mmCIF file of all heavy atoms, coordinates in Angstrom:
data_MODEL
# 
_entry.id   MODEL 
# 
loop_
_atom_site.group_PDB 
_atom_site.id 
_atom_site.type_symbol 
_atom_site.label_atom_id 
_atom_site.label_alt_id 
_atom_site.label_comp_id 
_atom_site.label_asym_id 
_atom_site.label_entity_id 
_atom_site.label_seq_id 
_atom_site.pdbx_PDB_ins_code 
_atom_site.Cartn_x 
_atom_site.Cartn_y 
_atom_site.Cartn_z 
_atom_site.occupancy 
_atom_site.B_iso_or_equiv 
_atom_site.pdbx_formal_charge 
_atom_site.auth_seq_id 
_atom_site.auth_comp_id 
_atom_site.auth_asym_id 
_atom_site.auth_atom_id 
_atom_site.pdbx_PDB_model_num 
ATOM 1   N N   . ASP A 1 1  ? 31.215 0.706  -45.092 1.00 0.00 ? 1  ASP A N   1 
ATOM 2   C CA  . ASP A 1 1  ? 31.047 1.655  -46.191 1.00 0.00 ? 1  ASP A CA  1 
ATOM 3   C C   . ASP A 1 1  ? 29.691 2.304  -46.137 1.00 0.00 ? 1  ASP A C   1 
ATOM 4   O O   . ASP A 1 1  ? 29.555 3.507  -46.451 1.00 0.00 ? 1  ASP A O   1 
ATOM 5   C CB  . ASP A 1 1  ? 31.228 0.920  -47.540 1.00 0.00 ? 1  ASP A CB  1 
ATOM 6   C CG  . ASP A 1 1  ? 32.696 0.533  -47.784 1.00 0.00 ? 1  ASP A CG  1 
ATOM 7   O OD1 . ASP A 1 1  ? 33.566 1.131  -47.125 1.00 0.00 ? 1  ASP A OD1 1 
ATOM 8   O OD2 . ASP A 1 1  ? 32.928 -0.323 -48.651 1.00 0.00 ? 1  ASP A OD2 1 
ATOM 9   N N   . GLY A 1 2  ? 28.669 1.547  -45.742 1.00 0.00 ? 2  GLY A N   1 
ATOM 10  C CA  . GLY A 1 2  ? 27.310 2.123  -45.625 1.00 0.00 ? 2  GLY A CA  1 
ATOM 11  C C   . GLY A 1 2  ? 27.252 3.208  -44.590 1.00 0.00 ? 2  GLY A C   1 
ATOM 12  O O   . GLY A 1 2  ? 26.569 4.223  -44.780 1.00 0.00 ? 2  GLY A O   1 
ATOM 13  N N   . ASP A 1 3  ? 27.962 3.020  -43.467 1.00 0.00 ? 3  ASP A N   1 
ATOM 14  C CA  . ASP A 1 3  ? 28.015 4.089  -42.431 1.00 0.00 ? 3  ASP A CA  1 
ATOM 15  C C   . ASP A 1 3  ? 28.668 5.336  -42.964 1.00 0.00 ? 3  ASP A C   1 
ATOM 16  O O   . ASP A 1 3  ? 28.219 6.458  -42.706 1.00 0.00 ? 3  ASP A O   1 
ATOM 17  C CB  . ASP A 1 3  ? 28.783 3.585  -41.196 1.00 0.00 ? 3  ASP A CB  1 
ATOM 18  C CG  . ASP A 1 3  ? 28.030 2.563  -40.405 1.00 0.00 ? 3  ASP A CG  1 
ATOM 19  O OD1 . ASP A 1 3  ? 26.782 2.496  -40.526 1.00 0.00 ? 3  ASP A OD1 1 
ATOM 20  O OD2 . ASP A 1 3  ? 28.698 1.797  -39.690 1.00 0.00 ? 3  ASP A OD2 1 
ATOM 21  N N   . LEU A 1 4  ? 29.752 5.168  -43.705 1.00 0.00 ? 4  LEU A N   1 
ATOM 22  C CA  . LEU A 1 4  ? 30.494 6.328  -44.175 1.00 0.00 ? 4  LEU A CA  1 
ATOM 23  C C   . LEU A 1 4  ? 29.818 7.049  -45.329 1.00 0.00 ? 4  LEU A C   1 
ATOM 24  O O   . LEU A 1 4  ? 29.992 8.252  -45.511 1.00 0.00 ? 4  LEU A O   1 
ATOM 25  C CB  . LEU A 1 4  ? 31.908 5.916  -44.616 1.00 0.00 ? 4  LEU A CB  1 
ATOM 26  C CG  . LEU A 1 4  ? 32.792 5.362  -43.486 1.00 0.00 ? 4  LEU A CG  1 
ATOM 27  C CD1 . LEU A 1 4  ? 34.096 4.840  -44.047 1.00 0.00 ? 4  LEU A CD1 1 
ATOM 28  C CD2 . LEU A 1 4  ? 33.076 6.440  -42.448 1.00 0.00 ? 4  LEU A CD2 1 
ATOM 29  N N   . LEU A 1 5  ? 29.048 6.349  -46.101 1.00 0.00 ? 5  LEU A N   1 
ATOM 30  C CA  . LEU A 1 5  ? 28.421 6.949  -47.280 1.00 0.00 ? 5  LEU A CA  1 
ATOM 31  C C   . LEU A 1 5  ? 26.956 7.311  -47.104 1.00 0.00 ? 5  LEU A C   1 
ATOM 32  O O   . LEU A 1 5  ? 26.304 7.746  -48.071 1.00 0.00 ? 5  LEU A O   1 
ATOM 33  C CB  . LEU A 1 5  ? 28.576 5.987  -48.506 1.00 0.00 ? 5  LEU A CB  1 
ATOM 34  C CG  . LEU A 1 5  ? 29.997 5.664  -48.879 1.00 0.00 ? 5  LEU A CG  1 
ATOM 35  C CD1 . LEU A 1 5  ? 30.036 4.607  -49.974 1.00 0.00 ? 5  LEU A CD1 1 
ATOM 36  C CD2 . LEU A 1 5  ? 30.763 6.900  -49.318 1.00 0.00 ? 5  LEU A CD2 1 
ATOM 37  N N   . ARG A 1 6  ? 26.411 7.097  -45.889 1.00 0.00 ? 6  ARG A N   1 
ATOM 38  C CA  . ARG A 1 6  ? 24.987 7.396  -45.713 1.00 0.00 ? 6  ARG A CA  1 
ATOM 39  C C   . ARG A 1 6  ? 24.722 8.875  -45.789 1.00 0.00 ? 6  ARG A C   1 
ATOM 40  O O   . ARG A 1 6  ? 25.589 9.719  -45.501 1.00 0.00 ? 6  ARG A O   1 
ATOM 41  C CB  . ARG A 1 6  ? 24.523 6.840  -44.396 1.00 0.00 ? 6  ARG A CB  1 
ATOM 42  C CG  . ARG A 1 6  ? 25.020 7.600  -43.198 1.00 0.00 ? 6  ARG A CG  1 
ATOM 43  C CD  . ARG A 1 6  ? 24.602 6.940  -41.911 1.00 0.00 ? 6  ARG A CD  1 
ATOM 44  N NE  . ARG A 1 6  ? 25.350 7.583  -40.824 1.00 0.00 ? 6  ARG A NE  1 
ATOM 45  C CZ  . ARG A 1 6  ? 24.790 7.929  -39.683 1.00 0.00 ? 6  ARG A CZ  1 
ATOM 46  N NH1 . ARG A 1 6  ? 23.566 7.630  -39.414 1.00 0.00 ? 6  ARG A NH1 1 
ATOM 47  N NH2 . ARG A 1 6  ? 25.511 8.512  -38.761 1.00 0.00 ? 6  ARG A NH2 1 
ATOM 48  N N   . ARG A 1 7  ? 23.523 9.213  -46.193 1.00 0.00 ? 7  ARG A N   1 
ATOM 49  C CA  . ARG A 1 7  ? 23.090 10.602 -46.285 1.00 0.00 ? 7  ARG A CA  1 
ATOM 50  C C   . ARG A 1 7  ? 22.161 10.898 -45.115 1.00 0.00 ? 7  ARG A C   1 
ATOM 51  O O   . ARG A 1 7  ? 21.233 10.147 -44.855 1.00 0.00 ? 7  ARG A O   1 
ATOM 52  C CB  . ARG A 1 7  ? 22.355 10.805 -47.629 1.00 0.00 ? 7  ARG A CB  1 
ATOM 53  C CG  . ARG A 1 7  ? 21.880 12.204 -47.801 1.00 0.00 ? 7  ARG A CG  1 
ATOM 54  C CD  . ARG A 1 7  ? 21.306 12.378 -49.213 1.00 0.00 ? 7  ARG A CD  1 
ATOM 55  N NE  . ARG A 1 7  ? 20.526 13.557 -49.350 1.00 0.00 ? 7  ARG A NE  1 
ATOM 56  C CZ  . ARG A 1 7  ? 21.003 14.806 -49.484 1.00 0.00 ? 7  ARG A CZ  1 
ATOM 57  N NH1 . ARG A 1 7  ? 22.296 14.950 -49.478 1.00 0.00 ? 7  ARG A NH1 1 
ATOM 58  N NH2 . ARG A 1 7  ? 20.212 15.817 -49.593 1.00 0.00 ? 7  ARG A NH2 1 
ATOM 59  N N   . VAL A 1 8  ? 22.387 12.021 -44.465 1.00 0.00 ? 8  VAL A N   1 
ATOM 60  C CA  . VAL A 1 8  ? 21.575 12.432 -43.346 1.00 0.00 ? 8  VAL A CA  1 
ATOM 61  C C   . VAL A 1 8  ? 20.958 13.773 -43.703 1.00 0.00 ? 8  VAL A C   1 
ATOM 62  O O   . VAL A 1 8  ? 21.658 14.718 -44.035 1.00 0.00 ? 8  VAL A O   1 
ATOM 63  C CB  . VAL A 1 8  ? 22.425 12.517 -42.077 1.00 0.00 ? 8  VAL A CB  1 
ATOM 64  C CG1 . VAL A 1 8  ? 21.587 13.012 -40.877 1.00 0.00 ? 8  VAL A CG1 1 
ATOM 65  C CG2 . VAL A 1 8  ? 23.077 11.201 -41.740 1.00 0.00 ? 8  VAL A CG2 1 
ATOM 66  N N   . ASP A 1 9  ? 19.657 13.826 -43.650 1.00 0.00 ? 9  ASP A N   1 
ATOM 67  C CA  . ASP A 1 9  ? 18.955 15.098 -43.868 1.00 0.00 ? 9  ASP A CA  1 
ATOM 68  C C   . ASP A 1 9  ? 18.711 15.772 -42.556 1.00 0.00 ? 9  ASP A C   1 
ATOM 69  O O   . ASP A 1 9  ? 18.075 15.204 -41.659 1.00 0.00 ? 9  ASP A O   1 
ATOM 70  C CB  . ASP A 1 9  ? 17.652 14.859 -44.633 1.00 0.00 ? 9  ASP A CB  1 
ATOM 71  C CG  . ASP A 1 9  ? 17.878 14.344 -46.050 1.00 0.00 ? 9  ASP A CG  1 
ATOM 72  O OD1 . ASP A 1 9  ? 18.827 14.861 -46.691 1.00 0.00 ? 9  ASP A OD1 1 
ATOM 73  O OD2 . ASP A 1 9  ? 17.151 13.465 -46.483 1.00 0.00 ? 9  ASP A OD2 1 
ATOM 74  N N   . PHE A 1 10 ? 19.175 17.016 -42.417 1.00 0.00 ? 10 PHE A N   1 
ATOM 75  C CA  . PHE A 1 10 ? 18.968 17.810 -41.217 1.00 0.00 ? 10 PHE A CA  1 
ATOM 76  C C   . PHE A 1 10 ? 17.772 18.708 -41.422 1.00 0.00 ? 10 PHE A C   1 
ATOM 77  O O   . PHE A 1 10 ? 17.764 19.510 -42.333 1.00 0.00 ? 10 PHE A O   1 
ATOM 78  C CB  . PHE A 1 10 ? 20.213 18.616 -40.903 1.00 0.00 ? 10 PHE A CB  1 
ATOM 79  C CG  . PHE A 1 10 ? 20.067 19.523 -39.703 1.00 0.00 ? 10 PHE A CG  1 
ATOM 80  C CD1 . PHE A 1 10 ? 19.958 18.986 -38.443 1.00 0.00 ? 10 PHE A CD1 1 
ATOM 81  C CD2 . PHE A 1 10 ? 20.011 20.906 -39.871 1.00 0.00 ? 10 PHE A CD2 1 
ATOM 82  C CE1 . PHE A 1 10 ? 19.798 19.811 -37.367 1.00 0.00 ? 10 PHE A CE1 1 
ATOM 83  C CE2 . PHE A 1 10 ? 19.839 21.708 -38.777 1.00 0.00 ? 10 PHE A CE2 1 
ATOM 84  C CZ  . PHE A 1 10 ? 19.743 21.181 -37.536 1.00 0.00 ? 10 PHE A CZ  1 
ATOM 85  N N   . ASN A 1 11 ? 16.780 18.573 -40.574 1.00 0.00 ? 11 ASN A N   1 
ATOM 86  C CA  . ASN A 1 11 ? 15.581 19.393 -40.654 1.00 0.00 ? 11 ASN A CA  1 
ATOM 87  C C   . ASN A 1 11 ? 15.650 20.482 -39.589 1.00 0.00 ? 11 ASN A C   1 
ATOM 88  O O   . ASN A 1 11 ? 15.352 20.271 -38.426 1.00 0.00 ? 11 ASN A O   1 
ATOM 89  C CB  . ASN A 1 11 ? 14.323 18.519 -40.410 1.00 0.00 ? 11 ASN A CB  1 
ATOM 90  C CG  . ASN A 1 11 ? 13.046 19.289 -40.563 1.00 0.00 ? 11 ASN A CG  1 
ATOM 91  O OD1 . ASN A 1 11 ? 13.042 20.466 -40.941 1.00 0.00 ? 11 ASN A OD1 1 
ATOM 92  N ND2 . ASN A 1 11 ? 11.943 18.628 -40.322 1.00 0.00 ? 11 ASN A ND2 1 
ATOM 93  N N   . ILE A 1 12 ? 16.044 21.670 -40.019 1.00 0.00 ? 12 ILE A N   1 
ATOM 94  C CA  . ILE A 1 12 ? 16.216 22.791 -39.091 1.00 0.00 ? 12 ILE A CA  1 
ATOM 95  C C   . ILE A 1 12 ? 14.884 23.247 -38.533 1.00 0.00 ? 12 ILE A C   1 
ATOM 96  O O   . ILE A 1 12 ? 14.805 23.815 -37.449 1.00 0.00 ? 12 ILE A O   1 
ATOM 97  C CB  . ILE A 1 12 ? 16.973 23.963 -39.761 1.00 0.00 ? 12 ILE A CB  1 
ATOM 98  C CG1 . ILE A 1 12 ? 17.425 24.981 -38.696 1.00 0.00 ? 12 ILE A CG1 1 
ATOM 99  C CG2 . ILE A 1 12 ? 16.157 24.638 -40.821 1.00 0.00 ? 12 ILE A CG2 1 
ATOM 100 C CD1 . ILE A 1 12 ? 18.403 26.025 -39.183 1.00 0.00 ? 12 ILE A CD1 1 
ATOM 101 N N   . LYS A 1 13 ? 13.796 23.031 -39.282 1.00 0.00 ? 13 LYS A N   1 
ATOM 102 C CA  . LYS A 1 13 ? 12.454 23.496 -38.830 1.00 0.00 ? 13 LYS A CA  1 
ATOM 103 C C   . LYS A 1 13 ? 11.807 22.484 -37.873 1.00 0.00 ? 13 LYS A C   1 
ATOM 104 O O   . LYS A 1 13 ? 10.874 22.816 -37.173 1.00 0.00 ? 13 LYS A O   1 
ATOM 105 C CB  . LYS A 1 13 ? 11.537 23.710 -40.030 1.00 0.00 ? 13 LYS A CB  1 
ATOM 106 C CG  . LYS A 1 13 ? 11.971 24.880 -40.896 1.00 0.00 ? 13 LYS A CG  1 
ATOM 107 C CD  . LYS A 1 13 ? 11.034 25.063 -42.045 1.00 0.00 ? 13 LYS A CD  1 
ATOM 108 C CE  . LYS A 1 13 ? 11.498 26.241 -42.909 1.00 0.00 ? 13 LYS A CE  1 
ATOM 109 N NZ  . LYS A 1 13 ? 10.610 26.420 -44.067 1.00 0.00 ? 13 LYS A NZ  1 
ATOM 110 N N   . GLY A 1 14 ? 12.315 21.267 -37.848 1.00 0.00 ? 14 GLY A N   1 
ATOM 111 C CA  . GLY A 1 14 ? 11.739 20.229 -36.987 1.00 0.00 ? 14 GLY A CA  1 
ATOM 112 C C   . GLY A 1 14 ? 12.392 20.223 -35.609 1.00 0.00 ? 14 GLY A C   1 
ATOM 113 O O   . GLY A 1 14 ? 12.693 21.246 -35.063 1.00 0.00 ? 14 GLY A O   1 
ATOM 114 N N   . ASP A 1 15 ? 12.644 18.982 -35.149 1.00 0.00 ? 15 ASP A N   1 
ATOM 115 C CA  . ASP A 1 15 ? 13.245 18.828 -33.815 1.00 0.00 ? 15 ASP A CA  1 
ATOM 116 C C   . ASP A 1 15 ? 14.716 18.359 -33.899 1.00 0.00 ? 15 ASP A C   1 
ATOM 117 O O   . ASP A 1 15 ? 15.271 18.006 -32.872 1.00 0.00 ? 15 ASP A O   1 
ATOM 118 C CB  . ASP A 1 15 ? 12.450 17.798 -33.007 1.00 0.00 ? 15 ASP A CB  1 
ATOM 119 C CG  . ASP A 1 15 ? 11.078 18.319 -32.612 1.00 0.00 ? 15 ASP A CG  1 
ATOM 120 O OD1 . ASP A 1 15 ? 11.006 19.536 -32.323 1.00 0.00 ? 15 ASP A OD1 1 
ATOM 121 O OD2 . ASP A 1 15 ? 10.128 17.543 -32.580 1.00 0.00 ? 15 ASP A OD2 1 
ATOM 122 N N   . ASP A 1 16 ? 15.274 18.320 -35.101 1.00 0.00 ? 16 ASP A N   1 
ATOM 123 C CA  . ASP A 1 16 ? 16.667 17.863 -35.225 1.00 0.00 ? 16 ASP A CA  1 
ATOM 124 C C   . ASP A 1 16 ? 17.592 18.799 -34.507 1.00 0.00 ? 16 ASP A C   1 
ATOM 125 O O   . ASP A 1 16 ? 17.412 20.009 -34.489 1.00 0.00 ? 16 ASP A O   1 
ATOM 126 C CB  . ASP A 1 16 ? 17.049 17.772 -36.708 1.00 0.00 ? 16 ASP A CB  1 
ATOM 127 C CG  . ASP A 1 16 ? 16.305 16.657 -37.426 1.00 0.00 ? 16 ASP A CG  1 
ATOM 128 O OD1 . ASP A 1 16 ? 15.642 15.865 -36.784 1.00 0.00 ? 16 ASP A OD1 1 
ATOM 129 O OD2 . ASP A 1 16 ? 16.430 16.595 -38.659 1.00 0.00 ? 16 ASP A OD2 1 
ATOM 130 N N   . LEU A 1 17 ? 18.618 18.217 -33.914 1.00 0.00 ? 17 LEU A N   1 
ATOM 131 C CA  . LEU A 1 17 ? 19.583 18.961 -33.121 1.00 0.00 ? 17 LEU A CA  1 
ATOM 132 C C   . LEU A 1 17 ? 20.989 18.453 -33.499 1.00 0.00 ? 17 LEU A C   1 
ATOM 133 O O   . LEU A 1 17 ? 21.234 17.265 -33.529 1.00 0.00 ? 17 LEU A O   1 
ATOM 134 C CB  . LEU A 1 17 ? 19.344 18.716 -31.634 1.00 0.00 ? 17 LEU A CB  1 
ATOM 135 C CG  . LEU A 1 17 ? 20.287 19.429 -30.651 1.00 0.00 ? 17 LEU A CG  1 
ATOM 136 C CD1 . LEU A 1 17 ? 20.025 20.952 -30.664 1.00 0.00 ? 17 LEU A CD1 1 
ATOM 137 C CD2 . LEU A 1 17 ? 20.035 18.901 -29.244 1.00 0.00 ? 17 LEU A CD2 1 
ATOM 138 N N   . ILE A 1 18 ? 21.876 19.377 -33.782 1.00 0.00 ? 18 ILE A N   1 
ATOM 139 C CA  . ILE A 1 18 ? 23.281 19.022 -34.007 1.00 0.00 ? 18 ILE A CA  1 
ATOM 140 C C   . ILE A 1 18 ? 24.025 19.216 -32.711 1.00 0.00 ? 18 ILE A C   1 
ATOM 141 O O   . ILE A 1 18 ? 23.977 20.290 -32.102 1.00 0.00 ? 18 ILE A O   1 
ATOM 142 C CB  . ILE A 1 18 ? 23.932 19.905 -35.084 1.00 0.00 ? 18 ILE A CB  1 
ATOM 143 C CG1 . ILE A 1 18 ? 23.287 19.640 -36.483 1.00 0.00 ? 18 ILE A CG1 1 
ATOM 144 C CG2 . ILE A 1 18 ? 25.428 19.650 -35.165 1.00 0.00 ? 18 ILE A CG2 1 
ATOM 145 C CD1 . ILE A 1 18 ? 23.809 20.502 -37.578 1.00 0.00 ? 18 ILE A CD1 1 
ATOM 146 N N   . VAL A 1 19 ? 24.645 18.152 -32.221 1.00 0.00 ? 19 VAL A N   1 
ATOM 147 C CA  . VAL A 1 19 ? 25.460 18.208 -30.998 1.00 0.00 ? 19 VAL A CA  1 
ATOM 148 C C   . VAL A 1 19 ? 26.898 18.104 -31.411 1.00 0.00 ? 19 VAL A C   1 
ATOM 149 O O   . VAL A 1 19 ? 27.335 17.117 -32.028 1.00 0.00 ? 19 VAL A O   1 
ATOM 150 C CB  . VAL A 1 19 ? 25.111 17.074 -30.040 1.00 0.00 ? 19 VAL A CB  1 
ATOM 151 C CG1 . VAL A 1 19 ? 25.953 17.132 -28.789 1.00 0.00 ? 19 VAL A CG1 1 
ATOM 152 C CG2 . VAL A 1 19 ? 23.629 17.130 -29.666 1.00 0.00 ? 19 VAL A CG2 1 
ATOM 153 N N   . PHE A 1 20 ? 27.660 19.167 -31.142 1.00 0.00 ? 20 PHE A N   1 
ATOM 154 C CA  . PHE A 1 20 ? 29.108 19.197 -31.518 1.00 0.00 ? 20 PHE A CA  1 
ATOM 155 C C   . PHE A 1 20 ? 29.941 18.726 -30.338 1.00 0.00 ? 20 PHE A C   1 
ATOM 156 O O   . PHE A 1 20 ? 29.968 19.372 -29.335 1.00 0.00 ? 20 PHE A O   1 
ATOM 157 C CB  . PHE A 1 20 ? 29.480 20.620 -31.934 1.00 0.00 ? 20 PHE A CB  1 
ATOM 158 C CG  . PHE A 1 20 ? 30.931 20.722 -32.275 1.00 0.00 ? 20 PHE A CG  1 
ATOM 159 C CD1 . PHE A 1 20 ? 31.498 19.973 -33.270 1.00 0.00 ? 20 PHE A CD1 1 
ATOM 160 C CD2 . PHE A 1 20 ? 31.742 21.589 -31.568 1.00 0.00 ? 20 PHE A CD2 1 
ATOM 161 C CE1 . PHE A 1 20 ? 32.851 20.077 -33.572 1.00 0.00 ? 20 PHE A CE1 1 
ATOM 162 C CE2 . PHE A 1 20 ? 33.094 21.707 -31.849 1.00 0.00 ? 20 PHE A CE2 1 
ATOM 163 C CZ  . PHE A 1 20 ? 33.640 20.926 -32.832 1.00 0.00 ? 20 PHE A CZ  1 
ATOM 164 N N   . LEU A 1 21 ? 30.580 17.582 -30.526 1.00 0.00 ? 21 LEU A N   1 
ATOM 165 C CA  . LEU A 1 21 ? 31.500 17.045 -29.525 1.00 0.00 ? 21 LEU A CA  1 
ATOM 166 C C   . LEU A 1 21 ? 32.893 17.516 -29.857 1.00 0.00 ? 21 LEU A C   1 
ATOM 167 O O   . LEU A 1 21 ? 33.474 17.136 -30.859 1.00 0.00 ? 21 LEU A O   1 
ATOM 168 C CB  . LEU A 1 21 ? 31.453 15.498 -29.548 1.00 0.00 ? 21 LEU A CB  1 
ATOM 169 C CG  . LEU A 1 21 ? 32.458 14.772 -28.665 1.00 0.00 ? 21 LEU A CG  1 
ATOM 170 C CD1 . LEU A 1 21 ? 32.250 15.122 -27.195 1.00 0.00 ? 21 LEU A CD1 1 
ATOM 171 C CD2 . LEU A 1 21 ? 32.354 13.278 -28.864 1.00 0.00 ? 21 LEU A CD2 1 
ATOM 172 N N   . HIS A 1 22 ? 33.446 18.394 -29.012 1.00 0.00 ? 22 HIS A N   1 
ATOM 173 C CA  . HIS A 1 22 ? 34.734 19.012 -29.230 1.00 0.00 ? 22 HIS A CA  1 
ATOM 174 C C   . HIS A 1 22 ? 35.824 18.095 -28.676 1.00 0.00 ? 22 HIS A C   1 
ATOM 175 O O   . HIS A 1 22 ? 35.902 17.904 -27.473 1.00 0.00 ? 22 HIS A O   1 
ATOM 176 C CB  . HIS A 1 22 ? 34.792 20.360 -28.577 1.00 0.00 ? 22 HIS A CB  1 
ATOM 177 C CG  . HIS A 1 22 ? 36.093 21.079 -28.776 1.00 0.00 ? 22 HIS A CG  1 
ATOM 178 N ND1 . HIS A 1 22 ? 36.328 22.346 -28.302 1.00 0.00 ? 22 HIS A ND1 1 
ATOM 179 C CD2 . HIS A 1 22 ? 37.229 20.716 -29.391 1.00 0.00 ? 22 HIS A CD2 1 
ATOM 180 C CE1 . HIS A 1 22 ? 37.566 22.709 -28.628 1.00 0.00 ? 22 HIS A CE1 1 
ATOM 181 N NE2 . HIS A 1 22 ? 38.134 21.740 -29.292 1.00 0.00 ? 22 HIS A NE2 1 
ATOM 182 N N   . ILE A 1 23 ? 36.634 17.520 -29.548 1.00 0.00 ? 23 ILE A N   1 
ATOM 183 C CA  . ILE A 1 23 ? 37.763 16.718 -29.122 1.00 0.00 ? 23 ILE A CA  1 
ATOM 184 C C   . ILE A 1 23 ? 38.979 17.617 -29.125 1.00 0.00 ? 23 ILE A C   1 
ATOM 185 O O   . ILE A 1 23 ? 39.270 18.255 -30.161 1.00 0.00 ? 23 ILE A O   1 
ATOM 186 C CB  . ILE A 1 23 ? 37.979 15.483 -30.059 1.00 0.00 ? 23 ILE A CB  1 
ATOM 187 C CG1 . ILE A 1 23 ? 36.705 14.643 -30.022 1.00 0.00 ? 23 ILE A CG1 1 
ATOM 188 C CG2 . ILE A 1 23 ? 39.176 14.713 -29.661 1.00 0.00 ? 23 ILE A CG2 1 
ATOM 189 C CD1 . ILE A 1 23 ? 36.696 13.553 -31.025 1.00 0.00 ? 23 ILE A CD1 1 
ATOM 190 N N   . GLN A 1 24 ? 39.659 17.683 -28.047 1.00 0.00 ? 24 GLN A N   1 
ATOM 191 C CA  . GLN A 1 24 ? 40.792 18.622 -27.884 1.00 0.00 ? 24 GLN A CA  1 
ATOM 192 C C   . GLN A 1 24 ? 41.907 18.381 -28.876 1.00 0.00 ? 24 GLN A C   1 
ATOM 193 O O   . GLN A 1 24 ? 42.178 17.252 -29.270 1.00 0.00 ? 24 GLN A O   1 
ATOM 194 C CB  . GLN A 1 24 ? 41.358 18.510 -26.468 1.00 0.00 ? 24 GLN A CB  1 
ATOM 195 C CG  . GLN A 1 24 ? 40.324 18.849 -25.404 1.00 0.00 ? 24 GLN A CG  1 
ATOM 196 C CD  . GLN A 1 24 ? 40.908 18.640 -24.012 1.00 0.00 ? 24 GLN A CD  1 
ATOM 197 O OE1 . GLN A 1 24 ? 42.016 19.039 -23.742 1.00 0.00 ? 24 GLN A OE1 1 
ATOM 198 N NE2 . GLN A 1 24 ? 40.135 18.011 -23.147 1.00 0.00 ? 24 GLN A NE2 1 
ATOM 199 N N   . LYS A 1 25 ? 42.510 19.477 -29.310 1.00 0.00 ? 25 LYS A N   1 
ATOM 200 C CA  . LYS A 1 25 ? 43.674 19.472 -30.206 1.00 0.00 ? 25 LYS A CA  1 
ATOM 201 C C   . LYS A 1 25 ? 43.411 18.849 -31.563 1.00 0.00 ? 25 LYS A C   1 
ATOM 202 O O   . LYS A 1 25 ? 44.272 18.218 -32.174 1.00 0.00 ? 25 LYS A O   1 
ATOM 203 C CB  . LYS A 1 25 ? 44.881 18.751 -29.543 1.00 0.00 ? 25 LYS A CB  1 
ATOM 204 C CG  . LYS A 1 25 ? 45.257 19.327 -28.200 1.00 0.00 ? 25 LYS A CG  1 
ATOM 205 C CD  . LYS A 1 25 ? 45.697 20.747 -28.328 1.00 0.00 ? 25 LYS A CD  1 
ATOM 206 C CE  . LYS A 1 25 ? 46.088 21.314 -27.002 1.00 0.00 ? 25 LYS A CE  1 
ATOM 207 N NZ  . LYS A 1 25 ? 46.178 22.776 -27.014 1.00 0.00 ? 25 LYS A NZ  1 
ATOM 208 N N   . THR A 1 26 ? 42.178 18.988 -32.097 1.00 0.00 ? 26 THR A N   1 
ATOM 209 C CA  . THR A 1 26 ? 41.843 18.456 -33.393 1.00 0.00 ? 26 THR A CA  1 
ATOM 210 C C   . THR A 1 26 ? 41.265 19.526 -34.319 1.00 0.00 ? 26 THR A C   1 
ATOM 211 O O   . THR A 1 26 ? 40.686 19.184 -35.363 1.00 0.00 ? 26 THR A O   1 
ATOM 212 C CB  . THR A 1 26 ? 40.827 17.280 -33.269 1.00 0.00 ? 26 THR A CB  1 
ATOM 213 O OG1 . THR A 1 26 ? 39.646 17.817 -32.670 1.00 0.00 ? 26 THR A OG1 1 
ATOM 214 C CG2 . THR A 1 26 ? 41.366 16.156 -32.456 1.00 0.00 ? 26 THR A CG2 1 
ATOM 215 N N   . GLY A 1 27 ? 41.390 20.780 -33.951 1.00 0.00 ? 27 GLY A N   1 
ATOM 216 C CA  . GLY A 1 27 ? 40.827 21.853 -34.747 1.00 0.00 ? 27 GLY A CA  1 
ATOM 217 C C   . GLY A 1 27 ? 39.376 22.105 -34.395 1.00 0.00 ? 27 GLY A C   1 
ATOM 218 O O   . GLY A 1 27 ? 38.657 22.740 -35.167 1.00 0.00 ? 27 GLY A O   1 
ATOM 219 N N   . GLY A 1 28 ? 38.916 21.647 -33.257 1.00 0.00 ? 28 GLY A N   1 
ATOM 220 C CA  . GLY A 1 28 ? 37.521 21.763 -32.858 1.00 0.00 ? 28 GLY A CA  1 
ATOM 221 C C   . GLY A 1 28 ? 37.061 23.213 -32.645 1.00 0.00 ? 28 GLY A C   1 
ATOM 222 O O   . GLY A 1 28 ? 35.934 23.556 -32.937 1.00 0.00 ? 28 GLY A O   1 
ATOM 223 N N   . THR A 1 29 ? 37.921 24.061 -32.131 1.00 0.00 ? 29 THR A N   1 
ATOM 224 C CA  . THR A 1 29 ? 37.553 25.448 -31.920 1.00 0.00 ? 29 THR A CA  1 
ATOM 225 C C   . THR A 1 29 ? 37.296 26.125 -33.240 1.00 0.00 ? 29 THR A C   1 
ATOM 226 O O   . THR A 1 29 ? 36.299 26.835 -33.431 1.00 0.00 ? 29 THR A O   1 
ATOM 227 C CB  . THR A 1 29 ? 38.631 26.198 -31.119 1.00 0.00 ? 29 THR A CB  1 
ATOM 228 O OG1 . THR A 1 29 ? 38.800 25.555 -29.872 1.00 0.00 ? 29 THR A OG1 1 
ATOM 229 C CG2 . THR A 1 29 ? 38.281 27.650 -30.917 1.00 0.00 ? 29 THR A CG2 1 
ATOM 230 N N   . THR A 1 30 ? 38.144 25.896 -34.212 1.00 0.00 ? 30 THR A N   1 
ATOM 231 C CA  . THR A 1 30 ? 37.989 26.475 -35.538 1.00 0.00 ? 30 THR A CA  1 
ATOM 232 C C   . THR A 1 30 ? 36.700 25.922 -36.192 1.00 0.00 ? 30 THR A C   1 
ATOM 233 O O   . THR A 1 30 ? 35.921 26.677 -36.762 1.00 0.00 ? 30 THR A O   1 
ATOM 234 C CB  . THR A 1 30 ? 39.206 26.160 -36.429 1.00 0.00 ? 30 THR A CB  1 
ATOM 235 O OG1 . THR A 1 30 ? 40.361 26.692 -35.773 1.00 0.00 ? 30 THR A OG1 1 
ATOM 236 C CG2 . THR A 1 30 ? 39.053 26.730 -37.819 1.00 0.00 ? 30 THR A CG2 1 
ATOM 237 N N   . PHE A 1 31 ? 36.499 24.608 -36.092 1.00 0.00 ? 31 PHE A N   1 
ATOM 238 C CA  . PHE A 1 31 ? 35.297 24.037 -36.689 1.00 0.00 ? 31 PHE A CA  1 
ATOM 239 C C   . PHE A 1 31 ? 34.028 24.531 -36.002 1.00 0.00 ? 31 PHE A C   1 
ATOM 240 O O   . PHE A 1 31 ? 33.022 24.806 -36.641 1.00 0.00 ? 31 PHE A O   1 
ATOM 241 C CB  . PHE A 1 31 ? 35.365 22.526 -36.652 1.00 0.00 ? 31 PHE A CB  1 
ATOM 242 C CG  . PHE A 1 31 ? 34.228 21.833 -37.327 1.00 0.00 ? 31 PHE A CG  1 
ATOM 243 C CD1 . PHE A 1 31 ? 34.152 21.808 -38.721 1.00 0.00 ? 31 PHE A CD1 1 
ATOM 244 C CD2 . PHE A 1 31 ? 33.184 21.283 -36.621 1.00 0.00 ? 31 PHE A CD2 1 
ATOM 245 C CE1 . PHE A 1 31 ? 33.079 21.207 -39.371 1.00 0.00 ? 31 PHE A CE1 1 
ATOM 246 C CE2 . PHE A 1 31 ? 32.120 20.678 -37.254 1.00 0.00 ? 31 PHE A CE2 1 
ATOM 247 C CZ  . PHE A 1 31 ? 32.084 20.643 -38.648 1.00 0.00 ? 31 PHE A CZ  1 
# 
């Protein structure tokens, strides 16, 4: 539950990076 409910702050001005892992046939292109 802690993993699912944790809050993550994304700092766009810092060094944070979002890596999008596209899993096929799951709506990844739309997302």
